[in-house]
Amino acid sequence: MINIEEKTSEFIHWYDKKLLHHTEYLALLCKLLETIPRVELVSGRIKTSDECISKFNRKYLSEISSFTSDFYISDFISDLIGVRAICFYTEDIQYIRRELRKFFDEKEITDKSGKLEKTEDKFGYRSLHLQLSLKNRLKTYPEAAKFKNIRFELQIRTVIQDAWSVLDHKIKYKKSIPQKLKRRINRLSALFEIADDEFLSVKAEIEKEEKKIDNRIKKGGKIESHKPLDVFRFLFVALKYFPNYNFIEFKVDEFVQEILLLKSNFTEGELNEALKNHLPFANNIELKIKQKLNPYSKIRYCLFKLNNTGFNSLLTEYQKSLAT
């Protein structure tokens, strides 16, 4: 007959003995996962011994014959070490899974997204859960050898999926939720799912617009003079004059917004006119002060020269003294 107290005591002894080893293993796993492209954030934890025992009692104890004692609780806890990898887009999940093969062998898979997508009326927690172990030989990580055959659970989620998981987990701690609230939660989970799909769709549209810019530049596209300025049209013009500069997305967006706040109907043609006519002036200021100016500063001088009243606030007092 099973002596559960003896088995529990045996597990706690094993857990405490292995804790430092498992902690080192977790640190290595996070280190490896952080090197994988499209993984934006990695976190991990080791379940407490109480959590492990509670899970065993809840899920597995009833399945074990009362006439056997030939088992270890540790064999039933496949997620003792849990790691979470967060990415931005749903398409990144399968990419990351393929990249994992550099370091890990895949033992089991639970695709919660796939299961939900096969239902017509259910929404909720989506992610990819993998049971993994380190490959036998990792030449660049010799320390990996001492963690051979130790499984861990990896959850790959998007930022949206992770947010919903945290919120959903919090809500489900509340017991006996009325049906009308369950319905509202279900509707809310559908919105999170839609948000994930929309982020991916927006990403695709942005990439499409960026390709248009590249094609316009490569083909020597003409300036569309009367088209209102946006980040893509800004880049089309700016890259004609500063082809080797790396315009970072969020900085471009902030700069375009600053321009449009001063002149909401500013156009692609006006930006081109400012650079075409006044960039030599900005270059002379660079020589005058004997200091390299970045493209944003030069564009500010050009806009000021184009319309010194409308774009007066783009320059500091010192810069204005140089420009007049």
C-alpha atoms as a PDB file:
ATOM      1  CA  MET A   1       0.000   0.000   0.000  1.00  0.00           C
ATOM      2  CA  ILE A   2       1.172   3.504  -0.795  1.00  0.00           C
ATOM      3  CA  ASN A   3       2.659   5.416   2.094  1.00  0.00           C
ATOM      4  CA  ILE A   4       2.048   8.921   0.723  1.00  0.00           C
ATOM      5  CA  GLU A   5       3.762  10.641   3.643  1.00  0.00           C
ATOM      6  CA  GLU A   6       6.909   8.630   2.993  1.00  0.00           C
ATOM      7  CA  LYS A   7       6.756   9.434  -0.737  1.00  0.00           C
ATOM      8  CA  THR A   8       6.244  13.116   0.031  1.00  0.00           C
ATOM      9  CA  SER A   9       9.190  13.187   2.424  1.00  0.00           C
ATOM     10  CA  GLU A  10      11.306  11.401  -0.180  1.00  0.00           C
ATOM     11  CA  PHE A  11      10.363  13.995  -2.793  1.00  0.00           C
ATOM     12  CA  ILE A  12      11.135  16.953  -0.520  1.00  0.00           C
ATOM     13  CA  HIS A  13      14.580  15.497   0.216  1.00  0.00           C
ATOM     14  CA  TRP A  14      15.208  15.042  -3.535  1.00  0.00           C
ATOM     15  CA  TYR A  15      13.877  18.538  -4.292  1.00  0.00           C
ATOM     16  CA  ASP A  16      16.133  20.270  -1.752  1.00  0.00           C
ATOM     17  CA  LYS A  17      19.169  18.277  -2.864  1.00  0.00           C
ATOM     18  CA  LYS A  18      18.615  19.203  -6.531  1.00  0.00           C
ATOM     19  CA  LEU A  19      17.510  22.822  -6.084  1.00  0.00           C
ATOM     20  CA  LEU A  20      20.898  24.462  -6.743  1.00  0.00           C
ATOM     21  CA  HIS A  21      21.465  22.194  -9.749  1.00  0.00           C
ATOM     22  CA  HIS A  22      18.047  23.088 -11.165  1.00  0.00           C
ATOM     23  CA  THR A  23      18.630  26.787 -10.511  1.00  0.00           C
ATOM     24  CA  GLU A  24      21.858  26.654 -12.530  1.00  0.00           C
ATOM     25  CA  TYR A  25      20.012  24.791 -15.272  1.00  0.00           C
ATOM     26  CA  LEU A  26      17.304  27.450 -15.402  1.00  0.00           C
ATOM     27  CA  ALA A  27      19.934  30.184 -15.765  1.00  0.00           C
ATOM     28  CA  LEU A  28      21.511  28.320 -18.699  1.00  0.00           C
ATOM     29  CA  LEU A  29      18.129  27.807 -20.384  1.00  0.00           C
ATOM     30  CA  CYS A  30      17.330  31.521 -20.181  1.00  0.00           C
ATOM     31  CA  LYS A  31      20.793  32.334 -21.538  1.00  0.00           C
ATOM     32  CA  LEU A  32      20.268  30.030 -24.543  1.00  0.00           C
ATOM     33  CA  LEU A  33      16.747  31.240 -25.280  1.00  0.00           C
ATOM     34  CA  GLU A  34      17.807  34.890 -25.227  1.00  0.00           C
ATOM     35  CA  THR A  35      20.070  34.188 -28.226  1.00  0.00           C
ATOM     36  CA  ILE A  36      17.159  33.021 -30.399  1.00  0.00           C
ATOM     37  CA  PRO A  37      15.934  35.638 -32.910  1.00  0.00           C
ATOM     38  CA  ARG A  38      12.416  37.043 -32.356  1.00  0.00           C
ATOM     39  CA  VAL A  39      12.432  36.095 -28.666  1.00  0.00           C
ATOM     40  CA  GLU A  40      11.834  39.437 -26.984  1.00  0.00           C
ATOM     41  CA  LEU A  41      11.669  38.412 -23.336  1.00  0.00           C
ATOM     42  CA  VAL A  42      12.569  35.285 -21.376  1.00  0.00           C
ATOM     43  CA  SER A  43      11.509  34.440 -17.842  1.00  0.00           C
ATOM     44  CA  GLY A  44      11.505  31.247 -15.834  1.00  0.00           C
ATOM     45  CA  ARG A  45      10.819  29.714 -12.477  1.00  0.00           C
ATOM     46  CA  ILE A  46      11.167  26.515 -10.496  1.00  0.00           C
ATOM     47  CA  LYS A  47       7.986  25.245  -8.896  1.00  0.00           C
ATOM     48  CA  THR A  48       8.070  25.104  -5.125  1.00  0.00           C
ATOM     49  CA  SER A  49       8.007  21.681  -3.498  1.00  0.00           C
ATOM     50  CA  ASP A  50       4.509  22.421  -2.155  1.00  0.00           C
ATOM     51  CA  GLU A  51       3.256  23.230  -5.665  1.00  0.00           C
ATOM     52  CA  CYS A  52       4.708  19.978  -6.997  1.00  0.00           C
ATOM     53  CA  ILE A  53       3.189  17.845  -4.244  1.00  0.00           C
ATOM     54  CA  SER A  54      -0.182  19.555  -4.634  1.00  0.00           C
ATOM     55  CA  LYS A  55      -0.153  18.904  -8.393  1.00  0.00           C
ATOM     56  CA  PHE A  56       0.792  15.257  -7.902  1.00  0.00           C
ATOM     57  CA  ASN A  57      -1.973  14.698  -5.358  1.00  0.00           C
ATOM     58  CA  ARG A  58      -4.522  16.451  -7.534  1.00  0.00           C
ATOM     59  CA  LYS A  59      -3.696  14.924 -10.911  1.00  0.00           C
ATOM     60  CA  TYR A  60      -1.823  11.663 -10.494  1.00  0.00           C
ATOM     61  CA  LEU A  61      -2.251  10.067  -7.079  1.00  0.00           C
ATOM     62  CA  SER A  62      -5.656   8.570  -7.874  1.00  0.00           C
ATOM     63  CA  GLU A  63      -4.206   6.870 -10.985  1.00  0.00           C
ATOM     64  CA  ILE A  64      -1.571   4.938  -9.035  1.00  0.00           C
ATOM     65  CA  SER A  65      -2.487   1.511  -7.787  1.00  0.00           C
ATOM     66  CA  SER A  66      -2.763   1.321  -4.034  1.00  0.00           C
ATOM     67  CA  PHE A  67      -0.683  -1.869  -4.167  1.00  0.00           C
ATOM     68  CA  THR A  68       2.437  -0.309  -5.658  1.00  0.00           C
ATOM     69  CA  SER A  69       5.105   1.858  -4.125  1.00  0.00           C
ATOM     70  CA  ASP A  70       7.496   1.651  -7.050  1.00  0.00           C
ATOM     71  CA  PHE A  71       7.319   5.286  -8.179  1.00  0.00           C
ATOM     72  CA  TYR A  72       8.808   8.698  -7.495  1.00  0.00           C
ATOM     73  CA  ILE A  73       6.740  11.875  -7.329  1.00  0.00           C
ATOM     74  CA  SER A  74       9.482  13.678  -9.273  1.00  0.00           C
ATOM     75  CA  ASP A  75       8.757  11.473 -12.329  1.00  0.00           C
ATOM     76  CA  PHE A  76       5.282  12.997 -12.600  1.00  0.00           C
ATOM     77  CA  ILE A  77       6.323  16.657 -12.442  1.00  0.00           C
ATOM     78  CA  SER A  78       7.289  17.496 -16.022  1.00  0.00           C
ATOM     79  CA  ASP A  79       7.068  21.244 -15.487  1.00  0.00           C
ATOM     80  CA  LEU A  80       9.229  21.533 -12.374  1.00  0.00           C
ATOM     81  CA  ILE A  81      11.348  23.945 -14.416  1.00  0.00           C
ATOM     82  CA  GLY A  82       9.189  26.280 -16.469  1.00  0.00           C
ATOM     83  CA  VAL A  83      10.403  28.862 -18.942  1.00  0.00           C
ATOM     84  CA  ARG A  84       8.403  31.413 -20.909  1.00  0.00           C
ATOM     85  CA  ALA A  85       9.530  33.005 -24.186  1.00  0.00           C
ATOM     86  CA  ILE A  86       7.612  36.081 -25.328  1.00  0.00           C
ATOM     87  CA  CYS A  87       7.490  37.283 -28.919  1.00  0.00           C
ATOM     88  CA  PHE A  88       5.564  40.001 -30.741  1.00  0.00           C
ATOM     89  CA  TYR A  89       3.607  38.180 -33.432  1.00  0.00           C
ATOM     90  CA  THR A  90       1.822  34.839 -33.840  1.00  0.00           C
ATOM     91  CA  GLU A  91       3.935  34.024 -36.900  1.00  0.00           C
ATOM     92  CA  ASP A  92       7.039  34.199 -34.695  1.00  0.00           C
ATOM     93  CA  ILE A  93       5.940  31.221 -32.594  1.00  0.00           C
ATOM     94  CA  GLN A  94       6.625  28.514 -35.191  1.00  0.00           C
ATOM     95  CA  TYR A  95       9.816  30.307 -36.263  1.00  0.00           C
ATOM     96  CA  ILE A  96      11.093  30.175 -32.673  1.00  0.00           C
ATOM     97  CA  ARG A  97      10.084  26.529 -32.405  1.00  0.00           C
ATOM     98  CA  ARG A  98      12.264  25.695 -35.426  1.00  0.00           C
ATOM     99  CA  GLU A  99      15.183  27.687 -34.008  1.00  0.00           C
ATOM    100  CA  LEU A 100      14.978  25.756 -30.736  1.00  0.00           C
ATOM    101  CA  ARG A 101      16.363  22.706 -32.535  1.00  0.00           C
ATOM    102  CA  LYS A 102      19.824  24.241 -32.328  1.00  0.00           C
ATOM    103  CA  PHE A 103      19.857  23.569 -28.586  1.00  0.00           C
ATOM    104  CA  PHE A 104      16.999  21.273 -27.639  1.00  0.00           C
ATOM    105  CA  ASP A 105      15.277  17.981 -28.396  1.00  0.00           C
ATOM    106  CA  GLU A 106      11.497  18.157 -28.462  1.00  0.00           C
ATOM    107  CA  LYS A 107       9.802  15.522 -26.311  1.00  0.00           C
ATOM    108  CA  GLU A 108       6.149  16.560 -26.196  1.00  0.00           C
ATOM    109  CA  ILE A 109       3.981  19.367 -27.526  1.00  0.00           C
ATOM    110  CA  THR A 110       0.732  20.970 -26.411  1.00  0.00           C
ATOM    111  CA  ASP A 111      -0.585  23.463 -28.952  1.00  0.00           C
ATOM    112  CA  LYS A 112      -3.296  25.354 -27.088  1.00  0.00           C
ATOM    113  CA  SER A 113      -3.715  27.765 -30.014  1.00  0.00           C
ATOM    114  CA  GLY A 114      -4.357  24.912 -32.437  1.00  0.00           C
ATOM    115  CA  LYS A 115      -6.961  23.357 -30.165  1.00  0.00           C
ATOM    116  CA  LEU A 116      -8.870  26.610 -29.825  1.00  0.00           C
ATOM    117  CA  GLU A 117      -8.780  27.291 -33.548  1.00  0.00           C
ATOM    118  CA  LYS A 118     -10.621  24.010 -34.161  1.00  0.00           C
ATOM    119  CA  THR A 119     -13.586  25.203 -32.103  1.00  0.00           C
ATOM    120  CA  GLU A 120     -16.307  27.552 -33.293  1.00  0.00           C
ATOM    121  CA  ASP A 121     -17.476  29.051 -30.016  1.00  0.00           C
ATOM    122  CA  LYS A 122     -14.514  28.956 -27.636  1.00  0.00           C
ATOM    123  CA  PHE A 123     -11.828  31.519 -27.022  1.00  0.00           C
ATOM    124  CA  GLY A 124      -9.213  31.891 -24.350  1.00  0.00           C
ATOM    125  CA  TYR A 125      -5.632  31.089 -23.450  1.00  0.00           C
ATOM    126  CA  ARG A 126      -3.466  30.418 -26.503  1.00  0.00           C
ATOM    127  CA  SER A 127       0.203  29.448 -26.597  1.00  0.00           C
ATOM    128  CA  LEU A 128       2.565  26.658 -27.533  1.00  0.00           C
ATOM    129  CA  HIS A 129       3.771  24.420 -24.688  1.00  0.00           C
ATOM    130  CA  LEU A 130       6.808  22.226 -25.342  1.00  0.00           C
ATOM    131  CA  GLN A 131       8.540  19.600 -23.253  1.00  0.00           C
ATOM    132  CA  LEU A 132      12.236  19.928 -24.113  1.00  0.00           C
ATOM    133  CA  SER A 133      15.629  18.676 -23.041  1.00  0.00           C
ATOM    134  CA  LEU A 134      19.114  19.849 -23.977  1.00  0.00           C
ATOM    135  CA  LYS A 135      20.854  18.198 -26.881  1.00  0.00           C
ATOM    136  CA  ASN A 136      23.602  15.816 -25.837  1.00  0.00           C
ATOM    137  CA  ARG A 137      26.387  17.906 -27.306  1.00  0.00           C
ATOM    138  CA  LEU A 138      26.537  21.674 -27.369  1.00  0.00           C
ATOM    139  CA  LYS A 139      30.098  22.577 -28.304  1.00  0.00           C
ATOM    140  CA  THR A 140      29.798  26.247 -27.407  1.00  0.00           C
ATOM    141  CA  TYR A 141      28.164  25.454 -24.050  1.00  0.00           C
ATOM    142  CA  PRO A 142      30.260  22.689 -22.420  1.00  0.00           C
ATOM    143  CA  GLU A 143      28.498  23.257 -19.084  1.00  0.00           C
ATOM    144  CA  ALA A 144      25.311  21.847 -20.653  1.00  0.00           C
ATOM    145  CA  ALA A 145      26.612  18.289 -20.280  1.00  0.00           C
ATOM    146  CA  LYS A 146      25.762  18.146 -16.573  1.00  0.00           C
ATOM    147  CA  PHE A 147      22.077  18.833 -17.318  1.00  0.00           C
ATOM    148  CA  LYS A 148      21.649  15.899 -19.697  1.00  0.00           C
ATOM    149  CA  ASN A 149      18.114  14.430 -19.930  1.00  0.00           C
ATOM    150  CA  ILE A 150      16.517  16.960 -17.567  1.00  0.00           C
ATOM    151  CA  ARG A 151      13.220  18.012 -19.115  1.00  0.00           C
ATOM    152  CA  PHE A 152      11.693  21.437 -18.772  1.00  0.00           C
ATOM    153  CA  GLU A 153       8.534  23.079 -20.040  1.00  0.00           C
ATOM    154  CA  LEU A 154       8.745  25.997 -22.446  1.00  0.00           C
ATOM    155  CA  GLN A 155       5.748  28.192 -23.181  1.00  0.00           C
ATOM    156  CA  ILE A 156       5.993  30.360 -26.288  1.00  0.00           C
ATOM    157  CA  ARG A 157       3.492  33.220 -26.313  1.00  0.00           C
ATOM    158  CA  THR A 158       2.909  36.517 -27.993  1.00  0.00           C
ATOM    159  CA  VAL A 159       2.759  39.653 -25.865  1.00  0.00           C
ATOM    160  CA  ILE A 160      -1.039  39.619 -26.260  1.00  0.00           C
ATOM    161  CA  GLN A 161      -1.338  35.945 -25.315  1.00  0.00           C
ATOM    162  CA  ASP A 162       0.810  36.531 -22.254  1.00  0.00           C
ATOM    163  CA  ALA A 163      -1.283  39.500 -21.153  1.00  0.00           C
ATOM    164  CA  TRP A 164      -4.486  37.490 -21.500  1.00  0.00           C
ATOM    165  CA  SER A 165      -2.977  34.526 -19.631  1.00  0.00           C
ATOM    166  CA  VAL A 166      -2.085  36.714 -16.656  1.00  0.00           C
ATOM    167  CA  LEU A 167      -5.509  38.368 -16.570  1.00  0.00           C
ATOM    168  CA  ASP A 168      -7.409  35.132 -17.160  1.00  0.00           C
ATOM    169  CA  HIS A 169      -5.456  33.375 -14.409  1.00  0.00           C
ATOM    170  CA  LYS A 170      -6.296  36.196 -12.001  1.00  0.00           C
ATOM    171  CA  ILE A 171      -9.993  36.110 -12.850  1.00  0.00           C
ATOM    172  CA  LYS A 172     -10.242  32.324 -12.518  1.00  0.00           C
ATOM    173  CA  TYR A 173      -9.058  32.481  -8.937  1.00  0.00           C
ATOM    174  CA  LYS A 174     -12.521  33.828  -8.182  1.00  0.00           C
ATOM    175  CA  LYS A 175     -14.835  30.927  -7.477  1.00  0.00           C
ATOM    176  CA  SER A 176     -18.411  30.422  -8.680  1.00  0.00           C
ATOM    177  CA  ILE A 177     -18.467  33.231 -11.238  1.00  0.00           C
ATOM    178  CA  PRO A 178     -22.060  33.845 -12.460  1.00  0.00           C
ATOM    179  CA  GLN A 179     -22.844  32.743 -16.016  1.00  0.00           C
ATOM    180  CA  LYS A 180     -23.319  36.306 -17.259  1.00  0.00           C
ATOM    181  CA  LEU A 181     -19.758  37.141 -16.127  1.00  0.00           C
ATOM    182  CA  LYS A 182     -18.399  34.006 -17.773  1.00  0.00           C
ATOM    183  CA  ARG A 183     -19.994  35.182 -21.008  1.00  0.00           C
ATOM    184  CA  ARG A 184     -18.343  38.591 -20.681  1.00  0.00           C
ATOM    185  CA  ILE A 185     -14.967  36.950 -20.031  1.00  0.00           C
ATOM    186  CA  ASN A 186     -15.454  34.810 -23.127  1.00  0.00           C
ATOM    187  CA  ARG A 187     -16.220  37.908 -25.211  1.00  0.00           C
ATOM    188  CA  LEU A 188     -13.146  39.632 -23.797  1.00  0.00           C
ATOM    189  CA  SER A 189     -10.905  36.684 -24.656  1.00  0.00           C
ATOM    190  CA  ALA A 190     -12.195  36.886 -28.242  1.00  0.00           C
ATOM    191  CA  LEU A 191     -11.062  40.523 -28.380  1.00  0.00           C
ATOM    192  CA  PHE A 192      -7.562  39.522 -27.298  1.00  0.00           C
ATOM    193  CA  GLU A 193      -7.488  36.909 -30.056  1.00  0.00           C
ATOM    194  CA  ILE A 194      -8.623  39.505 -32.597  1.00  0.00           C
ATOM    195  CA  ALA A 195      -5.936  41.913 -31.316  1.00  0.00           C
ATOM    196  CA  ASP A 196      -3.234  39.292 -31.952  1.00  0.00           C
ATOM    197  CA  ASP A 197      -4.461  38.810 -35.514  1.00  0.00           C
ATOM    198  CA  GLU A 198      -4.745  42.555 -36.101  1.00  0.00           C
ATOM    199  CA  PHE A 199      -1.196  43.224 -34.911  1.00  0.00           C
ATOM    200  CA  LEU A 200       0.039  40.669 -37.426  1.00  0.00           C
ATOM    201  CA  SER A 201      -2.100  42.230 -40.157  1.00  0.00           C
ATOM    202  CA  VAL A 202      -0.829  45.735 -39.349  1.00  0.00           C
ATOM    203  CA  LYS A 203       2.750  44.442 -39.437  1.00  0.00           C
ATOM    204  CA  ALA A 204       2.130  43.016 -42.906  1.00  0.00           C
ATOM    205  CA  GLU A 205       0.664  46.335 -44.107  1.00  0.00           C
ATOM    206  CA  ILE A 206       3.645  48.266 -42.734  1.00  0.00           C
ATOM    207  CA  GLU A 207       6.042  45.918 -44.512  1.00  0.00           C
ATOM    208  CA  LYS A 208       4.028  46.411 -47.692  1.00  0.00           C
ATOM    209  CA  GLU A 209       4.367  50.204 -47.410  1.00  0.00           C
ATOM    210  CA  GLU A 210       8.100  49.887 -46.725  1.00  0.00           C
ATOM    211  CA  LYS A 211       8.510  47.812 -49.887  1.00  0.00           C
ATOM    212  CA  LYS A 212       6.707  50.547 -51.822  1.00  0.00           C
ATOM    213  CA  ILE A 213       9.282  53.061 -50.567  1.00  0.00           C
ATOM    214  CA  ASP A 214      12.143  50.793 -51.616  1.00  0.00           C
ATOM    215  CA  ASN A 215      10.617  50.287 -55.059  1.00  0.00           C
ATOM    216  CA  ARG A 216       9.981  54.022 -55.510  1.00  0.00           C
ATOM    217  CA  ILE A 217      13.600  54.798 -54.613  1.00  0.00           C
ATOM    218  CA  LYS A 218      15.059  52.016 -56.784  1.00  0.00           C
ATOM    219  CA  LYS A 219      12.950  53.040 -59.767  1.00  0.00           C
ATOM    220  CA  GLY A 220      13.675  56.725 -59.262  1.00  0.00           C
ATOM    221  CA  GLY A 221      10.052  57.445 -58.452  1.00  0.00           C
ATOM    222  CA  LYS A 222       8.774  60.992 -58.787  1.00  0.00           C
ATOM    223  CA  ILE A 223       7.813  63.159 -55.858  1.00  0.00           C
ATOM    224  CA  GLU A 224       4.058  63.072 -55.305  1.00  0.00           C
ATOM    225  CA  SER A 225       3.855  66.738 -54.479  1.00  0.00           C
ATOM    226  CA  HIS A 226       0.340  67.042 -53.095  1.00  0.00           C
ATOM    227  CA  LYS A 227       0.260  63.847 -51.022  1.00  0.00           C
ATOM    228  CA  PRO A 228       0.064  64.543 -47.260  1.00  0.00           C
ATOM    229  CA  LEU A 229       3.194  63.669 -45.326  1.00  0.00           C
ATOM    230  CA  ASP A 230       3.344  60.462 -43.283  1.00  0.00           C
ATOM    231  CA  VAL A 231       6.237  58.339 -42.035  1.00  0.00           C
ATOM    232  CA  PHE A 232       6.511  56.428 -45.302  1.00  0.00           C
ATOM    233  CA  ARG A 233       6.541  59.547 -47.479  1.00  0.00           C
ATOM    234  CA  PHE A 234       9.006  61.172 -45.085  1.00  0.00           C
ATOM    235  CA  LEU A 235      11.338  58.213 -45.516  1.00  0.00           C
ATOM    236  CA  PHE A 236      10.983  58.284 -49.305  1.00  0.00           C
ATOM    237  CA  VAL A 237      12.148  61.902 -49.401  1.00  0.00           C
ATOM    238  CA  ALA A 238      14.727  61.691 -46.602  1.00  0.00           C
ATOM    239  CA  LEU A 239      16.427  58.606 -48.034  1.00  0.00           C
ATOM    240  CA  LYS A 240      16.908  60.391 -51.368  1.00  0.00           C
ATOM    241  CA  TYR A 241      19.100  62.958 -49.586  1.00  0.00           C
ATOM    242  CA  PHE A 242      20.525  60.747 -46.807  1.00  0.00           C
ATOM    243  CA  PRO A 243      20.727  57.283 -48.414  1.00  0.00           C
ATOM    244  CA  ASN A 244      23.218  55.844 -45.928  1.00  0.00           C
ATOM    245  CA  TYR A 245      21.518  56.966 -42.728  1.00  0.00           C
ATOM    246  CA  ASN A 246      19.624  54.482 -40.548  1.00  0.00           C
ATOM    247  CA  PHE A 247      16.313  56.164 -39.784  1.00  0.00           C
ATOM    248  CA  ILE A 248      14.951  54.415 -36.680  1.00  0.00           C
ATOM    249  CA  GLU A 249      11.196  53.872 -36.818  1.00  0.00           C
ATOM    250  CA  PHE A 250      10.071  55.469 -33.558  1.00  0.00           C
ATOM    251  CA  LYS A 251      12.281  58.528 -34.100  1.00  0.00           C
ATOM    252  CA  VAL A 252      10.856  59.026 -37.594  1.00  0.00           C
ATOM    253  CA  ASP A 253       7.330  58.784 -36.226  1.00  0.00           C
ATOM    254  CA  GLU A 254       8.047  61.334 -33.474  1.00  0.00           C
ATOM    255  CA  PHE A 255       9.682  63.731 -35.940  1.00  0.00           C
ATOM    256  CA  VAL A 256       6.835  63.508 -38.466  1.00  0.00           C
ATOM    257  CA  GLN A 257       4.307  64.110 -35.691  1.00  0.00           C
ATOM    258  CA  GLU A 258       6.277  67.181 -34.615  1.00  0.00           C
ATOM    259  CA  ILE A 259       6.144  68.540 -38.179  1.00  0.00           C
ATOM    260  CA  LEU A 260       2.421  67.836 -38.579  1.00  0.00           C
ATOM    261  CA  LEU A 261       1.580  69.503 -35.281  1.00  0.00           C
ATOM    262  CA  LEU A 262       3.069  72.704 -36.701  1.00  0.00           C
ATOM    263  CA  LYS A 263       1.554  72.304 -40.169  1.00  0.00           C
ATOM    264  CA  SER A 264      -1.125  69.615 -40.389  1.00  0.00           C
ATOM    265  CA  ASN A 265      -1.429  69.752 -44.185  1.00  0.00           C
ATOM    266  CA  PHE A 266       2.314  69.515 -44.860  1.00  0.00           C
ATOM    267  CA  THR A 267       3.050  67.464 -47.975  1.00  0.00           C
ATOM    268  CA  GLU A 268       5.703  65.189 -49.429  1.00  0.00           C
ATOM    269  CA  GLY A 269       6.389  67.866 -52.041  1.00  0.00           C
ATOM    270  CA  GLU A 270       7.000  70.570 -49.440  1.00  0.00           C
ATOM    271  CA  LEU A 271       9.497  68.391 -47.592  1.00  0.00           C
ATOM    272  CA  ASN A 272      11.324  67.703 -50.840  1.00  0.00           C
ATOM    273  CA  GLU A 273      11.307  71.419 -51.685  1.00  0.00           C
ATOM    274  CA  ALA A 274      12.807  72.266 -48.288  1.00  0.00           C
ATOM    275  CA  LEU A 275      15.647  69.769 -48.676  1.00  0.00           C
ATOM    276  CA  LYS A 276      16.280  70.498 -52.343  1.00  0.00           C
ATOM    277  CA  ASN A 277      16.543  74.263 -51.844  1.00  0.00           C
ATOM    278  CA  HIS A 278      18.029  74.543 -48.358  1.00  0.00           C
ATOM    279  CA  LEU A 279      20.201  71.489 -47.678  1.00  0.00           C
ATOM    280  CA  PRO A 280      23.321  73.364 -48.915  1.00  0.00           C
ATOM    281  CA  PHE A 281      22.534  76.013 -46.289  1.00  0.00           C
ATOM    282  CA  ALA A 282      22.370  73.343 -43.554  1.00  0.00           C
ATOM    283  CA  ASN A 283      25.647  71.869 -44.795  1.00  0.00           C
ATOM    284  CA  ASN A 284      27.272  75.313 -44.520  1.00  0.00           C
ATOM    285  CA  ILE A 285      26.142  75.597 -40.906  1.00  0.00           C
ATOM    286  CA  GLU A 286      27.837  72.257 -40.268  1.00  0.00           C
ATOM    287  CA  LEU A 287      31.069  73.732 -41.638  1.00  0.00           C
ATOM    288  CA  LYS A 288      30.552  76.967 -39.736  1.00  0.00           C
ATOM    289  CA  ILE A 289      30.276  75.322 -36.322  1.00  0.00           C
ATOM    290  CA  LYS A 290      32.805  72.609 -37.207  1.00  0.00           C
ATOM    291  CA  GLN A 291      30.484  69.949 -35.928  1.00  0.00           C
ATOM    292  CA  LYS A 292      28.712  67.091 -37.686  1.00  0.00           C
ATOM    293  CA  LEU A 293      24.942  67.455 -37.845  1.00  0.00           C
ATOM    294  CA  ASN A 294      22.655  64.444 -38.068  1.00  0.00           C
ATOM    295  CA  PRO A 295      19.963  64.396 -40.791  1.00  0.00           C
ATOM    296  CA  TYR A 296      17.215  65.391 -38.356  1.00  0.00           C
ATOM    297  CA  SER A 297      19.067  68.595 -37.431  1.00  0.00           C
ATOM    298  CA  LYS A 298      19.695  69.391 -41.104  1.00  0.00           C
ATOM    299  CA  ILE A 299      16.043  68.823 -41.943  1.00  0.00           C
ATOM    300  CA  ARG A 300      15.061  71.153 -39.099  1.00  0.00           C
ATOM    301  CA  TYR A 301      17.233  73.922 -40.587  1.00  0.00           C
ATOM    302  CA  CYS A 302      15.748  73.259 -44.030  1.00  0.00           C
ATOM    303  CA  LEU A 303      12.182  73.478 -42.749  1.00  0.00           C
ATOM    304  CA  PHE A 304      12.976  76.670 -40.850  1.00  0.00           C
ATOM    305  CA  LYS A 305      14.385  78.236 -44.030  1.00  0.00           C
ATOM    306  CA  LEU A 306      11.315  77.087 -45.946  1.00  0.00           C
ATOM    307  CA  ASN A 307       8.946  78.730 -43.457  1.00  0.00           C
ATOM    308  CA  ASN A 308      10.625  80.446 -40.514  1.00  0.00           C
ATOM    309  CA  THR A 309       7.310  81.477 -38.985  1.00  0.00           C
ATOM    310  CA  GLY A 310       5.513  78.142 -39.192  1.00  0.00           C
ATOM    311  CA  PHE A 311       8.547  76.101 -38.138  1.00  0.00           C
ATOM    312  CA  ASN A 312      10.015  78.587 -35.681  1.00  0.00           C
ATOM    313  CA  SER A 313       9.824  76.144 -32.754  1.00  0.00           C
ATOM    314  CA  LEU A 314      11.829  73.450 -34.538  1.00  0.00           C
ATOM    315  CA  LEU A 315      15.080  75.259 -33.679  1.00  0.00           C
ATOM    316  CA  THR A 316      16.589  76.463 -30.423  1.00  0.00           C
ATOM    317  CA  GLU A 317      17.440  80.144 -30.025  1.00  0.00           C
ATOM    318  CA  TYR A 318      21.086  79.352 -30.653  1.00  0.00           C
ATOM    319  CA  GLN A 319      20.248  77.420 -33.827  1.00  0.00           C
ATOM    320  CA  LYS A 320      18.038  80.284 -35.029  1.00  0.00           C
ATOM    321  CA  SER A 321      20.920  82.704 -34.538  1.00  0.00           C
ATOM    322  CA  LEU A 322      22.998  80.520 -36.860  1.00  0.00           C
ATOM    323  CA  ALA A 323      20.203  80.322 -39.402  1.00  0.00           C
ATOM    324  CA  THR A 324      19.617  84.085 -39.710  1.00  0.00           C
END
